[in-house]
All heavy atoms as atom14 arrays in JSON, in Angstrom:
{
  "sequence": "NFKITDIKWIFGEFKRPDMIVGERNLKKMDENGGKTVLEISVQNRS",
  "atom14_mask": [
    [1, 1, 1, 1, 1, 1, 1, 1, 0, 0, 0, 0, 0, 0],
    [1, 1, 1, 1, 1, 1, 1, 1, 1, 1, 1, 0, 0, 0],
    [1, 1, 1, 1, 1, 1, 1, 1, 1, 0, 0, 0, 0, 0],
    [1, 1, 1, 1, 1, 1, 1, 1, 0, 0, 0, 0, 0, 0],
    [1, 1, 1, 1, 1, 1, 1, 0, 0, 0, 0, 0, 0, 0],
    [1, 1, 1, 1, 1, 1, 1, 1, 0, 0, 0, 0, 0, 0],
    [1, 1, 1, 1, 1, 1, 1, 1, 0, 0, 0, 0, 0, 0],
    [1, 1, 1, 1, 1, 1, 1, 1, 1, 0, 0, 0, 0, 0],
    [1, 1, 1, 1, 1, 1, 1, 1, 1, 1, 1, 1, 1, 1],
    [1, 1, 1, 1, 1, 1, 1, 1, 0, 0, 0, 0, 0, 0],
    [1, 1, 1, 1, 1, 1, 1, 1, 1, 1, 1, 0, 0, 0],
    [1, 1, 1, 1, 0, 0, 0, 0, 0, 0, 0, 0, 0, 0],
    [1, 1, 1, 1, 1, 1, 1, 1, 1, 0, 0, 0, 0, 0],
    [1, 1, 1, 1, 1, 1, 1, 1, 1, 1, 1, 0, 0, 0],
    [1, 1, 1, 1, 1, 1, 1, 1, 1, 0, 0, 0, 0, 0],
    [1, 1, 1, 1, 1, 1, 1, 1, 1, 1, 1, 0, 0, 0],
    [1, 1, 1, 1, 1, 1, 1, 0, 0, 0, 0, 0, 0, 0],
    [1, 1, 1, 1, 1, 1, 1, 1, 0, 0, 0, 0, 0, 0],
    [1, 1, 1, 1, 1, 1, 1, 1, 0, 0, 0, 0, 0, 0],
    [1, 1, 1, 1, 1, 1, 1, 1, 0, 0, 0, 0, 0, 0],
    [1, 1, 1, 1, 1, 1, 1, 0, 0, 0, 0, 0, 0, 0],
    [1, 1, 1, 1, 0, 0, 0, 0, 0, 0, 0, 0, 0, 0],
    [1, 1, 1, 1, 1, 1, 1, 1, 1, 0, 0, 0, 0, 0],
    [1, 1, 1, 1, 1, 1, 1, 1, 1, 1, 1, 0, 0, 0],
    [1, 1, 1, 1, 1, 1, 1, 1, 0, 0, 0, 0, 0, 0],
    [1, 1, 1, 1, 1, 1, 1, 1, 0, 0, 0, 0, 0, 0],
    [1, 1, 1, 1, 1, 1, 1, 1, 1, 0, 0, 0, 0, 0],
    [1, 1, 1, 1, 1, 1, 1, 1, 1, 0, 0, 0, 0, 0],
    [1, 1, 1, 1, 1, 1, 1, 1, 0, 0, 0, 0, 0, 0],
    [1, 1, 1, 1, 1, 1, 1, 1, 0, 0, 0, 0, 0, 0],
    [1, 1, 1, 1, 1, 1, 1, 1, 1, 0, 0, 0, 0, 0],
    [1, 1, 1, 1, 1, 1, 1, 1, 0, 0, 0, 0, 0, 0],
    [1, 1, 1, 1, 0, 0, 0, 0, 0, 0, 0, 0, 0, 0],
    [1, 1, 1, 1, 0, 0, 0, 0, 0, 0, 0, 0, 0, 0],
    [1, 1, 1, 1, 1, 1, 1, 1, 1, 0, 0, 0, 0, 0],
    [1, 1, 1, 1, 1, 1, 1, 0, 0, 0, 0, 0, 0, 0],
    [1, 1, 1, 1, 1, 1, 1, 0, 0, 0, 0, 0, 0, 0],
    [1, 1, 1, 1, 1, 1, 1, 1, 0, 0, 0, 0, 0, 0],
    [1, 1, 1, 1, 1, 1, 1, 1, 1, 0, 0, 0, 0, 0],
    [1, 1, 1, 1, 1, 1, 1, 1, 0, 0, 0, 0, 0, 0],
    [1, 1, 1, 1, 1, 1, 0, 0, 0, 0, 0, 0, 0, 0],
    [1, 1, 1, 1, 1, 1, 1, 0, 0, 0, 0, 0, 0, 0],
    [1, 1, 1, 1, 1, 1, 1, 1, 1, 0, 0, 0, 0, 0],
    [1, 1, 1, 1, 1, 1, 1, 1, 0, 0, 0, 0, 0, 0],
    [1, 1, 1, 1, 1, 1, 1, 1, 1, 1, 1, 0, 0, 0],
    [1, 1, 1, 1, 1, 1, 0, 0, 0, 0, 0, 0, 0, 0]
  ],
  "atom14_positions": [
    [[-4.02, 17.6, 13.53], [-2.59, 17.83, 13.63], [-1.79, 16.49, 13.6], [-2.33, 15.47, 13.94], [-2.24, 18.54, 14.97], [-2.67, 19.97, 15.05], [-2.88, 20.59, 14.02], [-2.8, 20.5, 16.24], [0.0, 0.0, 0.0], [0.0, 0.0, 0.0], [0.0, 0.0, 0.0], [0.0, 0.0, 0.0], [0.0, 0.0, 0.0], [0.0, 0.0, 0.0]],
    [[-0.55, 16.64, 13.1], [0.33, 15.49, 13.03], [1.69, 15.91, 13.71], [2.23, 16.97, 13.34], [0.61, 15.02, 11.65], [1.59, 13.95, 11.49], [1.28, 12.57, 11.73], [2.91, 14.22, 11.15], [2.2, 11.6, 11.64], [3.86, 13.22, 11.07], [3.54, 11.93, 11.31], [0.0, 0.0, 0.0], [0.0, 0.0, 0.0], [0.0, 0.0, 0.0]],
    [[2.21, 15.09, 14.59], [3.48, 15.41, 15.26], [4.37, 14.15, 15.28], [3.87, 13.04, 15.49], [3.21, 15.79, 16.74], [2.4, 17.07, 16.88], [2.19, 17.35, 18.37], [1.32, 18.56, 18.57], [1.09, 18.82, 20.04], [0.0, 0.0, 0.0], [0.0, 0.0, 0.0], [0.0, 0.0, 0.0], [0.0, 0.0, 0.0], [0.0, 0.0, 0.0]],
    [[5.63, 14.36, 15.03], [6.61, 13.31, 15.27], [7.23, 13.58, 16.65], [7.78, 14.62, 16.96], [7.77, 13.36, 14.2], [7.18, 12.91, 12.85], [8.9, 12.46, 14.6], [8.17, 12.96, 11.72], [0.0, 0.0, 0.0], [0.0, 0.0, 0.0], [0.0, 0.0, 0.0], [0.0, 0.0, 0.0], [0.0, 0.0, 0.0], [0.0, 0.0, 0.0]],
    [[7.04, 12.62, 17.54], [7.41, 12.77, 18.93], [8.82, 12.23, 19.24], [9.47, 12.63, 20.2], [6.43, 12.15, 19.85], [6.25, 10.76, 19.54], [5.07, 12.85, 19.76], [0.0, 0.0, 0.0], [0.0, 0.0, 0.0], [0.0, 0.0, 0.0], [0.0, 0.0, 0.0], [0.0, 0.0, 0.0], [0.0, 0.0, 0.0], [0.0, 0.0, 0.0]],
    [[9.29, 11.32, 18.37], [10.62, 10.77, 18.6], [11.1, 10.17, 17.32], [10.3, 9.52, 16.57], [10.61, 9.67, 19.73], [12.06, 9.23, 20.07], [12.89, 10.12, 20.24], [12.29, 8.01, 20.2], [0.0, 0.0, 0.0], [0.0, 0.0, 0.0], [0.0, 0.0, 0.0], [0.0, 0.0, 0.0], [0.0, 0.0, 0.0], [0.0, 0.0, 0.0]],
    [[12.4, 10.33, 17.02], [12.93, 9.75, 15.79], [14.44, 9.36, 16.01], [15.19, 10.13, 16.69], [12.8, 10.79, 14.59], [13.19, 10.11, 13.23], [13.61, 12.01, 14.84], [12.75, 10.92, 12.06], [0.0, 0.0, 0.0], [0.0, 0.0, 0.0], [0.0, 0.0, 0.0], [0.0, 0.0, 0.0], [0.0, 0.0, 0.0], [0.0, 0.0, 0.0]],
    [[14.82, 8.23, 15.53], [16.21, 7.74, 15.65], [16.78, 7.57, 14.24], [16.38, 6.65, 13.48], [16.27, 6.45, 16.45], [15.81, 6.61, 17.89], [15.91, 5.27, 18.65], [15.64, 5.44, 20.13], [14.34, 6.06, 20.45], [0.0, 0.0, 0.0], [0.0, 0.0, 0.0], [0.0, 0.0, 0.0], [0.0, 0.0, 0.0], [0.0, 0.0, 0.0]],
    [[17.71, 8.41, 13.89], [18.3, 8.41, 12.54], [19.42, 7.43, 12.44], [20.15, 7.16, 13.44], [18.89, 9.78, 12.22], [17.86, 10.88, 12.1], [17.61, 11.85, 12.96], [16.98, 11.07, 10.97], [16.61, 12.69, 12.48], [16.21, 12.22, 11.26], [16.74, 10.4, 9.78], [15.24, 12.76, 10.39], [15.77, 10.91, 8.94], [15.03, 12.07, 9.22]],
    [[19.58, 6.77, 11.28], [20.76, 5.98, 10.95], [21.2, 6.32, 9.59], [20.4, 6.67, 8.7], [20.55, 4.5, 11.11], [19.43, 3.99, 10.17], [20.18, 4.07, 12.53], [19.28, 2.45, 10.13], [0.0, 0.0, 0.0], [0.0, 0.0, 0.0], [0.0, 0.0, 0.0], [0.0, 0.0, 0.0], [0.0, 0.0, 0.0], [0.0, 0.0, 0.0]],
    [[22.52, 6.24, 9.32], [23.13, 6.52, 8.07], [23.37, 5.2, 7.31], [23.85, 4.25, 7.88], [24.45, 7.28, 8.27], [25.14, 7.61, 6.98], [24.76, 8.76, 6.24], [26.2, 6.81, 6.55], [25.46, 9.07, 5.11], [26.83, 7.16, 5.35], [26.48, 8.28, 4.64], [0.0, 0.0, 0.0], [0.0, 0.0, 0.0], [0.0, 0.0, 0.0]],
    [[23.08, 5.18, 6.04], [23.32, 3.96, 5.29], [23.1, 4.15, 3.82], [22.43, 5.07, 3.36], [0.0, 0.0, 0.0], [0.0, 0.0, 0.0], [0.0, 0.0, 0.0], [0.0, 0.0, 0.0], [0.0, 0.0, 0.0], [0.0, 0.0, 0.0], [0.0, 0.0, 0.0], [0.0, 0.0, 0.0], [0.0, 0.0, 0.0], [0.0, 0.0, 0.0]],
    [[23.71, 3.24, 3.06], [23.52, 3.15, 1.64], [22.67, 1.9, 1.37], [22.97, 0.85, 1.91], [24.85, 3.08, 0.9], [24.75, 3.08, -0.6], [26.19, 3.0, -1.23], [27.16, 2.82, -0.48], [26.23, 3.1, -2.45], [0.0, 0.0, 0.0], [0.0, 0.0, 0.0], [0.0, 0.0, 0.0], [0.0, 0.0, 0.0], [0.0, 0.0, 0.0]],
    [[21.72, 1.98, 0.49], [20.85, 0.88, 0.31], [20.24, 0.89, -1.11], [20.26, 1.87, -1.76], [19.64, 0.89, 1.32], [18.64, 1.91, 0.97], [17.42, 1.58, 0.45], [18.89, 3.28, 1.19], [16.5, 2.55, 0.11], [17.98, 4.24, 0.88], [16.74, 3.87, 0.32], [0.0, 0.0, 0.0], [0.0, 0.0, 0.0], [0.0, 0.0, 0.0]],
    [[19.66, -0.27, -1.47], [18.91, -0.35, -2.68], [17.5, -0.52, -2.29], [17.1, -1.48, -1.6], [19.39, -1.52, -3.58], [18.66, -1.59, -4.89], [19.2, -2.76, -5.75], [18.44, -2.85, -7.07], [19.03, -3.94, -7.92], [0.0, 0.0, 0.0], [0.0, 0.0, 0.0], [0.0, 0.0, 0.0], [0.0, 0.0, 0.0], [0.0, 0.0, 0.0]],
    [[16.58, 0.41, -2.78], [15.19, 0.32, -2.38], [14.56, -0.94, -2.89], [14.78, -1.34, -4.04], [14.46, 1.55, -2.92], [13.07, 1.72, -2.37], [12.39, 2.97, -2.95], [13.12, 4.14, -2.55], [12.84, 4.8, -1.45], [11.89, 4.44, -0.7], [13.54, 5.93, -1.13], [0.0, 0.0, 0.0], [0.0, 0.0, 0.0], [0.0, 0.0, 0.0]],
    [[13.74, -1.64, -2.09], [13.06, -2.9, -2.54], [12.25, -2.6, -3.77], [11.53, -1.6, -3.84], [12.24, -3.27, -1.33], [12.87, -2.64, -0.21], [13.45, -1.35, -0.67], [0.0, 0.0, 0.0], [0.0, 0.0, 0.0], [0.0, 0.0, 0.0], [0.0, 0.0, 0.0], [0.0, 0.0, 0.0], [0.0, 0.0, 0.0], [0.0, 0.0, 0.0]],
    [[12.26, -3.56, -4.7], [11.49, -3.4, -5.94], [10.09, -4.09, -5.75], [9.9, -5.28, -6.05], [12.23, -4.11, -7.1], [11.57, -3.84, -8.46], [10.57, -3.06, -8.48], [12.05, -4.41, -9.45], [0.0, 0.0, 0.0], [0.0, 0.0, 0.0], [0.0, 0.0, 0.0], [0.0, 0.0, 0.0], [0.0, 0.0, 0.0], [0.0, 0.0, 0.0]],
    [[9.17, -3.35, -5.22], [7.78, -3.82, -5.0], [6.89, -3.09, -5.96], [6.88, -1.86, -6.02], [7.37, -3.51, -3.57], [8.28, -4.05, -2.46], [8.22, -5.87, -2.34], [6.5, -6.15, -1.98], [0.0, 0.0, 0.0], [0.0, 0.0, 0.0], [0.0, 0.0, 0.0], [0.0, 0.0, 0.0], [0.0, 0.0, 0.0], [0.0, 0.0, 0.0]],
    [[6.11, -3.87, -6.76], [5.24, -3.22, -7.72], [3.8, -3.62, -7.45], [3.51, -4.66, -6.93], [5.62, -3.63, -9.18], [5.42, -5.09, -9.41], [7.05, -3.21, -9.52], [5.46, -5.53, -10.85], [0.0, 0.0, 0.0], [0.0, 0.0, 0.0], [0.0, 0.0, 0.0], [0.0, 0.0, 0.0], [0.0, 0.0, 0.0], [0.0, 0.0, 0.0]],
    [[2.93, -2.67, -7.79], [1.51, -2.88, -7.69], [0.88, -3.14, -9.01], [1.15, -2.37, -9.96], [0.82, -1.61, -7.04], [-0.68, -1.84, -6.92], [1.42, -1.34, -5.63], [0.0, 0.0, 0.0], [0.0, 0.0, 0.0], [0.0, 0.0, 0.0], [0.0, 0.0, 0.0], [0.0, 0.0, 0.0], [0.0, 0.0, 0.0], [0.0, 0.0, 0.0]],
    [[0.15, -4.2, -9.15], [-0.46, -4.56, -10.4], [-1.87, -4.04, -10.49], [-2.18, -2.88, -10.29], [0.0, 0.0, 0.0], [0.0, 0.0, 0.0], [0.0, 0.0, 0.0], [0.0, 0.0, 0.0], [0.0, 0.0, 0.0], [0.0, 0.0, 0.0], [0.0, 0.0, 0.0], [0.0, 0.0, 0.0], [0.0, 0.0, 0.0], [0.0, 0.0, 0.0]],
    [[-2.75, -4.93, -10.88], [-4.1, -4.53, -11.22], [-4.85, -3.98, -9.93], [-4.54, -4.41, -8.83], [-4.94, -5.69, -11.78], [-5.04, -6.9, -10.92], [-3.93, -7.85, -11.04], [-2.89, -7.55, -11.69], [-4.05, -8.99, -10.51], [0.0, 0.0, 0.0], [0.0, 0.0, 0.0], [0.0, 0.0, 0.0], [0.0, 0.0, 0.0], [0.0, 0.0, 0.0]],
    [[-5.8, -3.06, -10.14], [-6.61, -2.52, -9.08], [-8.07, -2.57, -9.55], [-8.43, -1.87, -10.53], [-6.24, -1.07, -8.73], [-4.75, -0.93, -8.55], [-4.33, 0.55, -8.36], [-2.92, 0.69, -8.45], [-2.23, 1.76, -8.09], [-2.89, 2.8, -7.57], [-0.92, 1.87, -8.26], [0.0, 0.0, 0.0], [0.0, 0.0, 0.0], [0.0, 0.0, 0.0]],
    [[-8.87, -3.29, -8.92], [-10.28, -3.51, -9.32], [-11.22, -3.09, -8.2], [-11.24, -3.77, -7.16], [-10.51, -4.99, -9.69], [-11.95, -5.22, -10.16], [-12.6, -4.31, -10.63], [-12.36, -6.45, -10.03], [0.0, 0.0, 0.0], [0.0, 0.0, 0.0], [0.0, 0.0, 0.0], [0.0, 0.0, 0.0], [0.0, 0.0, 0.0], [0.0, 0.0, 0.0]],
    [[-11.94, -1.99, -8.39], [-12.82, -1.47, -7.36], [-14.3, -1.79, -7.78], [-14.7, -1.52, -8.92], [-12.68, 0.06, -7.28], [-13.51, 0.74, -6.14], [-12.98, 0.34, -4.76], [-13.43, 2.21, -6.34], [0.0, 0.0, 0.0], [0.0, 0.0, 0.0], [0.0, 0.0, 0.0], [0.0, 0.0, 0.0], [0.0, 0.0, 0.0], [0.0, 0.0, 0.0]],
    [[-15.02, -2.42, -6.87], [-16.41, -2.84, -7.25], [-17.34, -2.87, -6.03], [-16.87, -2.91, -4.9], [-16.3, -4.25, -7.85], [-15.77, -5.33, -6.93], [-15.63, -6.62, -7.67], [-15.11, -7.78, -6.7], [-15.0, -9.07, -7.38], [0.0, 0.0, 0.0], [0.0, 0.0, 0.0], [0.0, 0.0, 0.0], [0.0, 0.0, 0.0], [0.0, 0.0, 0.0]],
    [[-18.65, -2.87, -6.38], [-19.67, -3.05, -5.37], [-19.96, -4.51, -5.22], [-19.87, -5.25, -6.19], [-20.97, -2.31, -5.77], [-20.94, -0.81, -5.73], [-22.3, -0.19, -5.98], [-22.8, -0.53, -7.32], [-24.12, 0.11, -7.62], [0.0, 0.0, 0.0], [0.0, 0.0, 0.0], [0.0, 0.0, 0.0], [0.0, 0.0, 0.0], [0.0, 0.0, 0.0]],
    [[-20.3, -4.91, -3.99], [-20.5, -6.36, -3.74], [-21.95, -6.77, -3.76], [-22.23, -7.96, -3.88], [-19.89, -6.76, -2.38], [-18.36, -6.74, -2.38], [-17.61, -7.84, -3.65], [-18.13, -9.41, -3.04], [0.0, 0.0, 0.0], [0.0, 0.0, 0.0], [0.0, 0.0, 0.0], [0.0, 0.0, 0.0], [0.0, 0.0, 0.0], [0.0, 0.0, 0.0]],
    [[-22.92, -5.87, -3.68], [-24.33, -6.22, -3.79], [-25.1, -5.07, -4.4], [-24.66, -3.98, -4.49], [-24.9, -6.66, -2.41], [-24.81, -5.54, -1.44], [-25.38, -4.44, -1.62], [-24.18, -5.73, -0.37], [0.0, 0.0, 0.0], [0.0, 0.0, 0.0], [0.0, 0.0, 0.0], [0.0, 0.0, 0.0], [0.0, 0.0, 0.0], [0.0, 0.0, 0.0]],
    [[-26.37, -5.37, -4.81], [-27.17, -4.4, -5.48], [-27.5, -3.18, -4.58], [-27.76, -2.1, -5.09], [-28.45, -5.06, -5.98], [-28.24, -6.14, -7.07], [-29.54, -6.75, -7.49], [-30.59, -6.37, -6.89], [-29.5, -7.58, -8.39], [0.0, 0.0, 0.0], [0.0, 0.0, 0.0], [0.0, 0.0, 0.0], [0.0, 0.0, 0.0], [0.0, 0.0, 0.0]],
    [[-27.53, -3.32, -3.3], [-27.88, -2.27, -2.41], [-26.66, -1.45, -2.02], [-26.8, -0.48, -1.24], [-28.53, -2.86, -1.1], [-29.83, -3.58, -1.41], [-30.59, -3.13, -2.23], [-30.05, -4.71, -0.7], [0.0, 0.0, 0.0], [0.0, 0.0, 0.0], [0.0, 0.0, 0.0], [0.0, 0.0, 0.0], [0.0, 0.0, 0.0], [0.0, 0.0, 0.0]],
    [[-25.5, -1.75, -2.57], [-24.3, -0.99, -2.3], [-23.85, -1.11, -0.82], [-23.33, -0.19, -0.23], [0.0, 0.0, 0.0], [0.0, 0.0, 0.0], [0.0, 0.0, 0.0], [0.0, 0.0, 0.0], [0.0, 0.0, 0.0], [0.0, 0.0, 0.0], [0.0, 0.0, 0.0], [0.0, 0.0, 0.0], [0.0, 0.0, 0.0], [0.0, 0.0, 0.0]],
    [[-24.03, -2.31, -0.3], [-23.7, -2.51, 1.12], [-22.23, -2.58, 1.4], [-21.79, -2.4, 2.53], [0.0, 0.0, 0.0], [0.0, 0.0, 0.0], [0.0, 0.0, 0.0], [0.0, 0.0, 0.0], [0.0, 0.0, 0.0], [0.0, 0.0, 0.0], [0.0, 0.0, 0.0], [0.0, 0.0, 0.0], [0.0, 0.0, 0.0], [0.0, 0.0, 0.0]],
    [[-21.42, -2.84, 0.39], [-19.96, -2.96, 0.61], [-19.24, -2.66, -0.69], [-19.61, -3.02, -1.72], [-19.62, -4.4, 1.1], [-18.14, -4.57, 1.44], [-17.89, -5.88, 2.21], [-18.07, -7.11, 1.42], [-17.64, -8.32, 2.12], [0.0, 0.0, 0.0], [0.0, 0.0, 0.0], [0.0, 0.0, 0.0], [0.0, 0.0, 0.0], [0.0, 0.0, 0.0]],
    [[-18.13, -1.9, -0.55], [-17.2, -1.64, -1.61], [-15.9, -2.38, -1.45], [-15.36, -2.42, -0.32], [-16.88, -0.15, -1.69], [-18.07, 0.63, -1.96], [-15.88, 0.17, -2.8], [0.0, 0.0, 0.0], [0.0, 0.0, 0.0], [0.0, 0.0, 0.0], [0.0, 0.0, 0.0], [0.0, 0.0, 0.0], [0.0, 0.0, 0.0], [0.0, 0.0, 0.0]],
    [[-15.45, -3.06, -2.48], [-14.27, -3.95, -2.38], [-13.25, -3.49, -3.39], [-13.54, -3.19, -4.55], [-14.67, -5.39, -2.64], [-13.44, -6.27, -2.72], [-15.57, -5.91, -1.53], [0.0, 0.0, 0.0], [0.0, 0.0, 0.0], [0.0, 0.0, 0.0], [0.0, 0.0, 0.0], [0.0, 0.0, 0.0], [0.0, 0.0, 0.0], [0.0, 0.0, 0.0]],
    [[-11.98, -3.44, -2.94], [-10.84, -3.19, -3.79], [-9.97, -4.43, -3.89], [-9.48, -4.92, -2.87], [-10.01, -2.01, -3.29], [-8.74, -1.71, -4.09], [-9.0, -1.23, -5.47], [-7.86, -0.7, -3.32], [0.0, 0.0, 0.0], [0.0, 0.0, 0.0], [0.0, 0.0, 0.0], [0.0, 0.0, 0.0], [0.0, 0.0, 0.0], [0.0, 0.0, 0.0]],
    [[-9.76, -4.95, -5.11], [-8.91, -6.08, -5.3], [-7.61, -5.6, -5.96], [-7.67, -4.88, -6.94], [-9.56, -7.12, -6.23], [-10.83, -7.72, -5.61], [-11.58, -8.57, -6.6], [-11.4, -8.38, -7.79], [-12.36, -9.42, -6.17], [0.0, 0.0, 0.0], [0.0, 0.0, 0.0], [0.0, 0.0, 0.0], [0.0, 0.0, 0.0], [0.0, 0.0, 0.0]],
    [[-6.46, -5.97, -5.36], [-5.17, -5.51, -5.94], [-4.24, -6.69, -5.91], [-4.44, -7.75, -5.35], [-4.55, -4.38, -5.08], [-4.13, -4.87, -3.69], [-5.48, -3.19, -5.01], [-3.28, -3.95, -2.9], [0.0, 0.0, 0.0], [0.0, 0.0, 0.0], [0.0, 0.0, 0.0], [0.0, 0.0, 0.0], [0.0, 0.0, 0.0], [0.0, 0.0, 0.0]],
    [[-3.04, -6.48, -6.65], [-1.99, -7.44, -6.58], [-0.71, -6.68, -6.3], [-0.53, -5.55, -6.8], [-1.86, -8.3, -7.84], [-1.47, -7.47, -8.94], [0.0, 0.0, 0.0], [0.0, 0.0, 0.0], [0.0, 0.0, 0.0], [0.0, 0.0, 0.0], [0.0, 0.0, 0.0], [0.0, 0.0, 0.0], [0.0, 0.0, 0.0], [0.0, 0.0, 0.0]],
    [[0.18, -7.33, -5.52], [1.49, -6.74, -5.23], [2.55, -7.78, -5.43], [2.39, -8.97, -5.06], [1.57, -6.23, -3.76], [2.95, -5.68, -3.41], [0.48, -5.16, -3.52], [0.0, 0.0, 0.0], [0.0, 0.0, 0.0], [0.0, 0.0, 0.0], [0.0, 0.0, 0.0], [0.0, 0.0, 0.0], [0.0, 0.0, 0.0], [0.0, 0.0, 0.0]],
    [[3.67, -7.38, -6.11], [4.74, -8.39, -6.36], [6.07, -7.88, -5.84], [6.41, -6.73, -5.97], [4.86, -8.67, -7.86], [5.89, -9.76, -8.19], [5.89, -10.09, -9.68], [5.33, -9.32, -10.55], [6.55, -11.16, -10.01], [0.0, 0.0, 0.0], [0.0, 0.0, 0.0], [0.0, 0.0, 0.0], [0.0, 0.0, 0.0], [0.0, 0.0, 0.0]],
    [[6.81, -8.81, -5.21], [8.13, -8.53, -4.75], [9.12, -8.91, -5.84], [9.4, -10.07, -6.09], [8.39, -9.37, -3.46], [9.85, -9.24, -3.02], [10.58, -8.32, -3.36], [10.28, -10.12, -2.1], [0.0, 0.0, 0.0], [0.0, 0.0, 0.0], [0.0, 0.0, 0.0], [0.0, 0.0, 0.0], [0.0, 0.0, 0.0], [0.0, 0.0, 0.0]],
    [[9.62, -7.92, -6.54], [10.55, -8.17, -7.65], [12.01, -8.05, -7.25], [12.89, -8.13, -8.09], [10.25, -7.28, -8.84], [8.88, -7.43, -9.44], [8.81, -6.92, -10.88], [9.2, -5.57, -11.0], [9.17, -4.87, -12.16], [8.67, -5.41, -13.2], [9.6, -3.59, -12.17], [0.0, 0.0, 0.0], [0.0, 0.0, 0.0], [0.0, 0.0, 0.0]],
    [[12.24, -7.94, -5.96], [13.6, -7.91, -5.45], [14.18, -9.34, -5.37], [13.46, -10.31, -5.54], [13.73, -7.23, -4.12], [13.17, -7.99, -3.13], [0.0, 0.0, 0.0], [0.0, 0.0, 0.0], [0.0, 0.0, 0.0], [0.0, 0.0, 0.0], [0.0, 0.0, 0.0], [0.0, 0.0, 0.0], [0.0, 0.0, 0.0], [0.0, 0.0, 0.0]]
  ]
}
């Protein structure tokens, strides 16, 4: 279950931040599959 127990609203006009996600590289780190690694990049274009 998911519940919102409290929320405080505010009214406003805004420009959403320009954040982009670049490359996503998913890989195993050893021959035995002991760890899975995700490499990503994120850029703030605002």
